Each structure stands twice: as C-alpha cells, then as structure tokens.
Amino acid sequence: MGLMKIFSGSEILALALQEKIEAVGVDTVLKNNVQSARLAGFGNSGLAVELFIQETEFAKANPVIEEFRMTI
C-alpha cells in the first residue's frame, strides 16, 4: 500500500481539501512544488500543489473528496 494522489491544483484549494479530509480522521501529505521551485531559484506553473492520502483510507475520504469537487 502506498500514497494515492487525490488532488492537483492551487495551494488554496489543496489546503481547503486537506482541512476537510483531516476533519474526518484521514491523514494527508501535501507536496508543494511552488515552494520547492522557489527555494531552488526557479519558477513553476501549472498544477503546483498535490495532495496525497494512504490508499487504505480512500473509502473513508472519498465522500469528502466528491463533495469538495462538486463545490469548485
């Protein structure tokens, strides 16, 4: 089992989804490519922030993810 990417997009939306998922008891991992690129000295555009959860937690997080997707 490993990590599963559930979101790619802006930092603001990723943080909002992360908060909702963690509220139901699922741990998340946030990979912020914007900050990584800035610290390395070059820019990055596109889908810059990714949110991951454990594959085994998908069933618990999926209703939250689907509700979030319907609101954006």
PDB file of N, CA and C in Angstrom:
ATOM      1  N   MET A   1       0.845  -1.174   0.000  1.00  0.00           N
ATOM      2  CA  MET A   1       0.000   0.000   0.000  1.00  0.00           C
ATOM      3  C   MET A   1       0.892   1.239   0.000  1.00  0.00           C
ATOM      4  N   GLY A   2       0.369   2.278  -0.585  1.00  0.00           N
ATOM      5  CA  GLY A   2       1.154   3.483  -0.683  1.00  0.00           C
ATOM      6  C   GLY A   2       0.268   4.705  -0.710  1.00  0.00           C
ATOM      7  N   LEU A   3       0.885   5.780  -1.138  1.00  0.00           N
ATOM      8  CA  LEU A   3       0.160   7.035  -1.222  1.00  0.00           C
ATOM      9  C   LEU A   3      -0.586   7.128  -2.543  1.00  0.00           C
ATOM     10  N   MET A   4      -1.719   7.795  -2.494  1.00  0.00           N
ATOM     11  CA  MET A   4      -2.569   7.980  -3.664  1.00  0.00           C
ATOM     12  C   MET A   4      -2.823   9.466  -3.827  1.00  0.00           C
ATOM     13  N   LYS A   5      -2.561   9.991  -5.031  1.00  0.00           N
ATOM     14  CA  LYS A   5      -2.800  11.413  -5.276  1.00  0.00           C
ATOM     15  C   LYS A   5      -4.294  11.629  -5.465  1.00  0.00           C
ATOM     16  N   ILE A   6      -4.840  12.563  -4.680  1.00  0.00           N
ATOM     17  CA  ILE A   6      -6.273  12.830  -4.760  1.00  0.00           C
ATOM     18  C   ILE A   6      -6.581  14.227  -5.282  1.00  0.00           C
ATOM     19  N   PHE A   7      -5.550  15.082  -5.370  1.00  0.00           N
ATOM     20  CA  PHE A   7      -5.793  16.442  -5.835  1.00  0.00           C
ATOM     21  C   PHE A   7      -4.507  17.046  -6.380  1.00  0.00           C
ATOM     22  N   SER A   8      -4.634  17.795  -7.470  1.00  0.00           N
ATOM     23  CA  SER A   8      -3.566  18.631  -8.008  1.00  0.00           C
ATOM     24  C   SER A   8      -4.190  19.959  -8.367  1.00  0.00           C
ATOM     25  N   GLY A   9      -3.583  21.037  -7.930  1.00  0.00           N
ATOM     26  CA  GLY A   9      -4.139  22.344  -8.250  1.00  0.00           C
ATOM     27  C   GLY A   9      -3.507  23.445  -7.438  1.00  0.00           C
ATOM     28  N   SER A  10      -4.294  24.472  -7.175  1.00  0.00           N
ATOM     29  CA  SER A  10      -3.785  25.627  -6.452  1.00  0.00           C
ATOM     30  C   SER A  10      -3.595  25.303  -4.971  1.00  0.00           C
ATOM     31  N   GLU A  11      -2.724  26.065  -4.350  1.00  0.00           N
ATOM     32  CA  GLU A  11      -2.438  25.861  -2.939  1.00  0.00           C
ATOM     33  C   GLU A  11      -3.665  26.126  -2.075  1.00  0.00           C
ATOM     34  N   ILE A  12      -4.439  27.128  -2.413  1.00  0.00           N
ATOM     35  CA  ILE A  12      -5.621  27.484  -1.629  1.00  0.00           C
ATOM     36  C   ILE A  12      -6.638  26.346  -1.632  1.00  0.00           C
ATOM     37  N   LEU A  13      -6.904  25.780  -2.804  1.00  0.00           N
ATOM     38  CA  LEU A  13      -7.857  24.675  -2.887  1.00  0.00           C
ATOM     39  C   LEU A  13      -7.316  23.424  -2.204  1.00  0.00           C
ATOM     40  N   ALA A  14      -6.027  23.169  -2.348  1.00  0.00           N
ATOM     41  CA  ALA A  14      -5.422  21.998  -1.712  1.00  0.00           C
ATOM     42  C   ALA A  14      -5.521  22.092  -0.190  1.00  0.00           C
ATOM     43  N   LEU A  15      -5.259  23.260   0.356  1.00  0.00           N
ATOM     44  CA  LEU A  15      -5.350  23.433   1.806  1.00  0.00           C
ATOM     45  C   LEU A  15      -6.790  23.291   2.300  1.00  0.00           C
ATOM     46  N   ALA A  16      -7.749  23.778   1.510  1.00  0.00           N
ATOM     47  CA  ALA A  16      -9.155  23.646   1.891  1.00  0.00           C
ATOM     48  C   ALA A  16      -9.565  22.180   1.917  1.00  0.00           C
ATOM     49  N   LEU A  17      -9.167  21.420   0.890  1.00  0.00           N
ATOM     50  CA  LEU A  17      -9.496  19.997   0.850  1.00  0.00           C
ATOM     51  C   LEU A  17      -8.769  19.243   1.950  1.00  0.00           C
ATOM     52  N   GLN A  18      -7.531  19.589   2.194  1.00  0.00           N
ATOM     53  CA  GLN A  18      -6.755  18.939   3.255  1.00  0.00           C
ATOM     54  C   GLN A  18      -7.458  19.100   4.605  1.00  0.00           C
ATOM     55  N   GLU A  19      -7.949  20.277   4.884  1.00  0.00           N
ATOM     56  CA  GLU A  19      -8.646  20.532   6.149  1.00  0.00           C
ATOM     57  C   GLU A  19      -9.900  19.678   6.271  1.00  0.00           C
ATOM     58  N   LYS A  20     -10.674  19.559   5.190  1.00  0.00           N
ATOM     59  CA  LYS A  20     -11.903  18.771   5.217  1.00  0.00           C
ATOM     60  C   LYS A  20     -11.608  17.280   5.405  1.00  0.00           C
ATOM     61  N   ILE A  21     -10.573  16.789   4.748  1.00  0.00           N
ATOM     62  CA  ILE A  21     -10.238  15.368   4.850  1.00  0.00           C
ATOM     63  C   ILE A  21      -9.705  15.040   6.244  1.00  0.00           C
ATOM     64  N   GLU A  22      -8.861  15.901   6.768  1.00  0.00           N
ATOM     65  CA  GLU A  22      -8.317  15.647   8.108  1.00  0.00           C
ATOM     66  C   GLU A  22      -9.405  15.744   9.178  1.00  0.00           C
ATOM     67  N   ALA A  23     -10.476  16.478   8.912  1.00  0.00           N
ATOM     68  CA  ALA A  23     -11.580  16.592   9.864  1.00  0.00           C
ATOM     69  C   ALA A  23     -12.319  15.260  10.037  1.00  0.00           C
ATOM     70  N   VAL A  24     -12.243  14.370   9.034  1.00  0.00           N
ATOM     71  CA  VAL A  24     -12.886  13.055   9.157  1.00  0.00           C
ATOM     72  C   VAL A  24     -11.897  11.988   9.607  1.00  0.00           C
ATOM     73  N   GLY A  25     -10.692  12.405  10.000  1.00  0.00           N
ATOM     74  CA  GLY A  25      -9.731  11.476  10.583  1.00  0.00           C
ATOM     75  C   GLY A  25      -8.781  10.806   9.621  1.00  0.00           C
ATOM     76  N   VAL A  26      -8.595  11.376   8.430  1.00  0.00           N
ATOM     77  CA  VAL A  26      -7.673  10.807   7.445  1.00  0.00           C
ATOM     78  C   VAL A  26      -6.449  11.714   7.349  1.00  0.00           C
ATOM     79  N   ASP A  27      -5.267  11.129   7.547  1.00  0.00           N
ATOM     80  CA  ASP A  27      -4.026  11.899   7.430  1.00  0.00           C
ATOM     81  C   ASP A  27      -3.715  12.163   5.961  1.00  0.00           C
ATOM     82  N   THR A  28      -3.127  13.331   5.698  1.00  0.00           N
ATOM     83  CA  THR A  28      -2.789  13.723   4.336  1.00  0.00           C
ATOM     84  C   THR A  28      -1.319  14.093   4.243  1.00  0.00           C
ATOM     85  N   VAL A  29      -0.822  14.091   3.004  1.00  0.00           N
ATOM     86  CA  VAL A  29       0.522  14.563   2.710  1.00  0.00           C
ATOM     87  C   VAL A  29       0.377  15.618   1.624  1.00  0.00           C
ATOM     88  N   LEU A  30       0.919  16.801   1.871  1.00  0.00           N
ATOM     89  CA  LEU A  30       0.845  17.910   0.930  1.00  0.00           C
ATOM     90  C   LEU A  30       2.217  18.116   0.310  1.00  0.00           C
ATOM     91  N   LYS A  31       2.280  18.067  -1.018  1.00  0.00           N
ATOM     92  CA  LYS A  31       3.534  18.307  -1.741  1.00  0.00           C
ATOM     93  C   LYS A  31       3.383  19.638  -2.457  1.00  0.00           C
ATOM     94  N   ASN A  32       4.149  20.625  -2.019  1.00  0.00           N
ATOM     95  CA  ASN A  32       4.034  21.976  -2.555  1.00  0.00           C
ATOM     96  C   ASN A  32       5.200  22.247  -3.496  1.00  0.00           C
ATOM     97  N   ASN A  33       4.965  22.071  -4.792  1.00  0.00           N
ATOM     98  CA  ASN A  33       6.007  22.286  -5.789  1.00  0.00           C
ATOM     99  C   ASN A  33       6.338  23.761  -5.982  1.00  0.00           C
ATOM    100  N   VAL A  34       5.412  24.656  -5.633  1.00  0.00           N
ATOM    101  CA  VAL A  34       5.678  26.092  -5.744  1.00  0.00           C
ATOM    102  C   VAL A  34       6.796  26.471  -4.791  1.00  0.00           C
ATOM    103  N   GLN A  35       6.681  26.063  -3.529  1.00  0.00           N
ATOM    104  CA  GLN A  35       7.712  26.381  -2.546  1.00  0.00           C
ATOM    105  C   GLN A  35       9.033  25.704  -2.899  1.00  0.00           C
ATOM    106  N   SER A  36       8.988  24.478  -3.364  1.00  0.00           N
ATOM    107  CA  SER A  36      10.205  23.769  -3.742  1.00  0.00           C
ATOM    108  C   SER A  36      10.917  24.487  -4.884  1.00  0.00           C
ATOM    109  N   ALA A  37      10.163  24.917  -5.881  1.00  0.00           N
ATOM    110  CA  ALA A  37      10.753  25.617  -7.019  1.00  0.00           C
ATOM    111  C   ALA A  37      11.313  26.974  -6.596  1.00  0.00           C
ATOM    112  N   ARG A  38      10.595  27.664  -5.740  1.00  0.00           N
ATOM    113  CA  ARG A  38      11.048  28.984  -5.289  1.00  0.00           C
ATOM    114  C   ARG A  38      12.352  28.857  -4.517  1.00  0.00           C
ATOM    115  N   LEU A  39      12.447  27.869  -3.650  1.00  0.00           N
ATOM    116  CA  LEU A  39      13.667  27.681  -2.868  1.00  0.00           C
ATOM    117  C   LEU A  39      14.845  27.272  -3.738  1.00  0.00           C
ATOM    118  N   ALA A  40      14.564  26.584  -4.839  1.00  0.00           N
ATOM    119  CA  ALA A  40      15.635  26.164  -5.747  1.00  0.00           C
ATOM    120  C   ALA A  40      16.047  27.289  -6.690  1.00  0.00           C
ATOM    121  N   GLY A  41      15.245  28.349  -6.752  1.00  0.00           N
ATOM    122  CA  GLY A  41      15.618  29.504  -7.557  1.00  0.00           C
ATOM    123  C   GLY A  41      14.981  29.566  -8.928  1.00  0.00           C
ATOM    124  N   PHE A  42      13.970  28.776  -9.172  1.00  0.00           N
ATOM    125  CA  PHE A  42      13.268  28.861 -10.457  1.00  0.00           C
ATOM    126  C   PHE A  42      11.775  28.751 -10.228  1.00  0.00           C
ATOM    127  N   GLY A  43      11.018  29.195 -11.200  1.00  0.00           N
ATOM    128  CA  GLY A  43       9.566  29.210 -11.056  1.00  0.00           C
ATOM    129  C   GLY A  43       8.926  27.919 -11.517  1.00  0.00           C
ATOM    130  N   ASN A  44       7.665  27.764 -11.173  1.00  0.00           N
ATOM    131  CA  ASN A  44       6.913  26.588 -11.573  1.00  0.00           C
ATOM    132  C   ASN A  44       5.479  27.014 -11.808  1.00  0.00           C
ATOM    133  N   SER A  45       4.895  26.533 -12.883  1.00  0.00           N
ATOM    134  CA  SER A  45       3.499  26.869 -13.149  1.00  0.00           C
ATOM    135  C   SER A  45       2.706  25.580 -13.335  1.00  0.00           C
ATOM    136  N   GLY A  46       1.409  25.722 -13.468  1.00  0.00           N
ATOM    137  CA  GLY A  46       0.571  24.544 -13.670  1.00  0.00           C
ATOM    138  C   GLY A  46       0.048  24.005 -12.359  1.00  0.00           C
ATOM    139  N   LEU A  47      -0.089  22.705 -12.299  1.00  0.00           N
ATOM    140  CA  LEU A  47      -0.631  22.053 -11.117  1.00  0.00           C
ATOM    141  C   LEU A  47       0.477  21.926 -10.088  1.00  0.00           C
ATOM    142  N   ALA A  48       0.604  22.934  -9.269  1.00  0.00           N
ATOM    143  CA  ALA A  48       1.789  23.081  -8.439  1.00  0.00           C
ATOM    144  C   ALA A  48       1.691  22.434  -7.074  1.00  0.00           C
ATOM    145  N   VAL A  49       0.499  22.154  -6.588  1.00  0.00           N
ATOM    146  CA  VAL A  49       0.342  21.580  -5.255  1.00  0.00           C
ATOM    147  C   VAL A  49      -0.430  20.266  -5.389  1.00  0.00           C
ATOM    148  N   GLU A  50       0.084  19.226  -4.750  1.00  0.00           N
ATOM    149  CA  GLU A  50      -0.542  17.908  -4.815  1.00  0.00           C
ATOM    150  C   GLU A  50      -0.876  17.439  -3.407  1.00  0.00           C
ATOM    151  N   LEU A  51      -1.996  16.742  -3.288  1.00  0.00           N
ATOM    152  CA  LEU A  51      -2.448  16.221  -2.001  1.00  0.00           C
ATOM    153  C   LEU A  51      -2.572  14.706  -2.111  1.00  0.00           C
ATOM    154  N   PHE A  52      -2.009  13.998  -1.129  1.00  0.00           N
ATOM    155  CA  PHE A  52      -1.988  12.544  -1.128  1.00  0.00           C
ATOM    156  C   PHE A  52      -2.612  12.005   0.157  1.00  0.00           C
ATOM    157  N   ILE A  53      -3.185  10.799   0.061  1.00  0.00           N
ATOM    158  CA  ILE A  53      -3.644  10.052   1.237  1.00  0.00           C
ATOM    159  C   ILE A  53      -3.180   8.604   1.075  1.00  0.00           C
ATOM    160  N   GLN A  54      -3.258   7.840   2.144  1.00  0.00           N
ATOM    161  CA  GLN A  54      -2.967   6.409   2.058  1.00  0.00           C
ATOM    162  C   GLN A  54      -4.084   5.733   1.261  1.00  0.00           C
ATOM    163  N   GLU A  55      -3.707   4.788   0.403  1.00  0.00           N
ATOM    164  CA  GLU A  55      -4.701   4.072  -0.403  1.00  0.00           C
ATOM    165  C   GLU A  55      -5.766   3.405   0.465  1.00  0.00           C
ATOM    166  N   THR A  56      -5.364   2.919   1.621  1.00  0.00           N
ATOM    167  CA  THR A  56      -6.302   2.214   2.503  1.00  0.00           C
ATOM    168  C   THR A  56      -7.354   3.144   3.103  1.00  0.00           C
ATOM    169  N   GLU A  57      -7.131   4.452   3.050  1.00  0.00           N
ATOM    170  CA  GLU A  57      -8.065   5.434   3.615  1.00  0.00           C
ATOM    171  C   GLU A  57      -9.009   6.028   2.563  1.00  0.00           C
ATOM    172  N   PHE A  58      -8.880   5.568   1.313  1.00  0.00           N
ATOM    173  CA  PHE A  58      -9.661   6.184   0.238  1.00  0.00           C
ATOM    174  C   PHE A  58     -11.169   6.072   0.460  1.00  0.00           C
ATOM    175  N   ALA A  59     -11.635   4.922   0.899  1.00  0.00           N
ATOM    176  CA  ALA A  59     -13.078   4.741   1.103  1.00  0.00           C
ATOM    177  C   ALA A  59     -13.627   5.740   2.121  1.00  0.00           C
ATOM    178  N   LYS A  60     -12.842   6.044   3.116  1.00  0.00           N
ATOM    179  CA  LYS A  60     -13.272   6.988   4.156  1.00  0.00           C
ATOM    180  C   LYS A  60     -13.244   8.427   3.637  1.00  0.00           C
ATOM    181  N   ALA A  61     -12.264   8.754   2.786  1.00  0.00           N
ATOM    182  CA  ALA A  61     -12.086  10.124   2.307  1.00  0.00           C
ATOM    183  C   ALA A  61     -12.902  10.429   1.054  1.00  0.00           C
ATOM    184  N   ASN A  62     -13.295   9.415   0.300  1.00  0.00           N
ATOM    185  CA  ASN A  62     -13.941   9.641  -0.986  1.00  0.00           C
ATOM    186  C   ASN A  62     -15.201  10.501  -0.910  1.00  0.00           C
ATOM    187  N   PRO A  63     -16.116  10.311   0.050  1.00  0.00           N
ATOM    188  CA  PRO A  63     -17.288  11.200   0.104  1.00  0.00           C
ATOM    189  C   PRO A  63     -16.905  12.676   0.276  1.00  0.00           C
ATOM    190  N   VAL A  64     -15.879  12.943   1.050  1.00  0.00           N
ATOM    191  CA  VAL A  64     -15.416  14.320   1.263  1.00  0.00           C
ATOM    192  C   VAL A  64     -14.827  14.871  -0.032  1.00  0.00           C
ATOM    193  N   ILE A  65     -14.046  14.053  -0.728  1.00  0.00           N
ATOM    194  CA  ILE A  65     -13.424  14.473  -1.982  1.00  0.00           C
ATOM    195  C   ILE A  65     -14.496  14.797  -3.017  1.00  0.00           C
ATOM    196  N   GLU A  66     -15.478  13.913  -3.148  1.00  0.00           N
ATOM    197  CA  GLU A  66     -16.546  14.137  -4.136  1.00  0.00           C
ATOM    198  C   GLU A  66     -17.355  15.380  -3.812  1.00  0.00           C
ATOM    199  N   GLU A  67     -17.669  15.598  -2.554  1.00  0.00           N
ATOM    200  CA  GLU A  67     -18.407  16.804  -2.160  1.00  0.00           C
ATOM    201  C   GLU A  67     -17.593  18.052  -2.485  1.00  0.00           C
ATOM    202  N   PHE A  68     -16.297  17.997  -2.218  1.00  0.00           N
ATOM    203  CA  PHE A  68     -15.418  19.130  -2.499  1.00  0.00           C
ATOM    204  C   PHE A  68     -15.375  19.421  -4.003  1.00  0.00           C
ATOM    205  N   ARG A  69     -15.269  18.392  -4.806  1.00  0.00           N
ATOM    206  CA  ARG A  69     -15.197  18.577  -6.254  1.00  0.00           C
ATOM    207  C   ARG A  69     -16.482  19.190  -6.804  1.00  0.00           C
ATOM    208  N   MET A  70     -17.607  18.897  -6.192  1.00  0.00           N
ATOM    209  CA  MET A  70     -18.879  19.458  -6.658  1.00  0.00           C
ATOM    210  C   MET A  70     -18.995  20.947  -6.321  1.00  0.00           C
ATOM    211  N   THR A  71     -18.213  21.412  -5.349  1.00  0.00           N
ATOM    212  CA  THR A  71     -18.314  22.816  -4.941  1.00  0.00           C
ATOM    213  C   THR A  71     -17.308  23.721  -5.645  1.00  0.00           C
ATOM    214  N   ILE A  72     -16.341  23.135  -6.360  1.00  0.00           N
ATOM    215  CA  ILE A  72     -15.367  24.006  -7.050  1.00  0.00           C
ATOM    216  C   ILE A  72     -15.688  24.156  -8.520  1.00  0.00           C
TER     217      ILE A  72
END
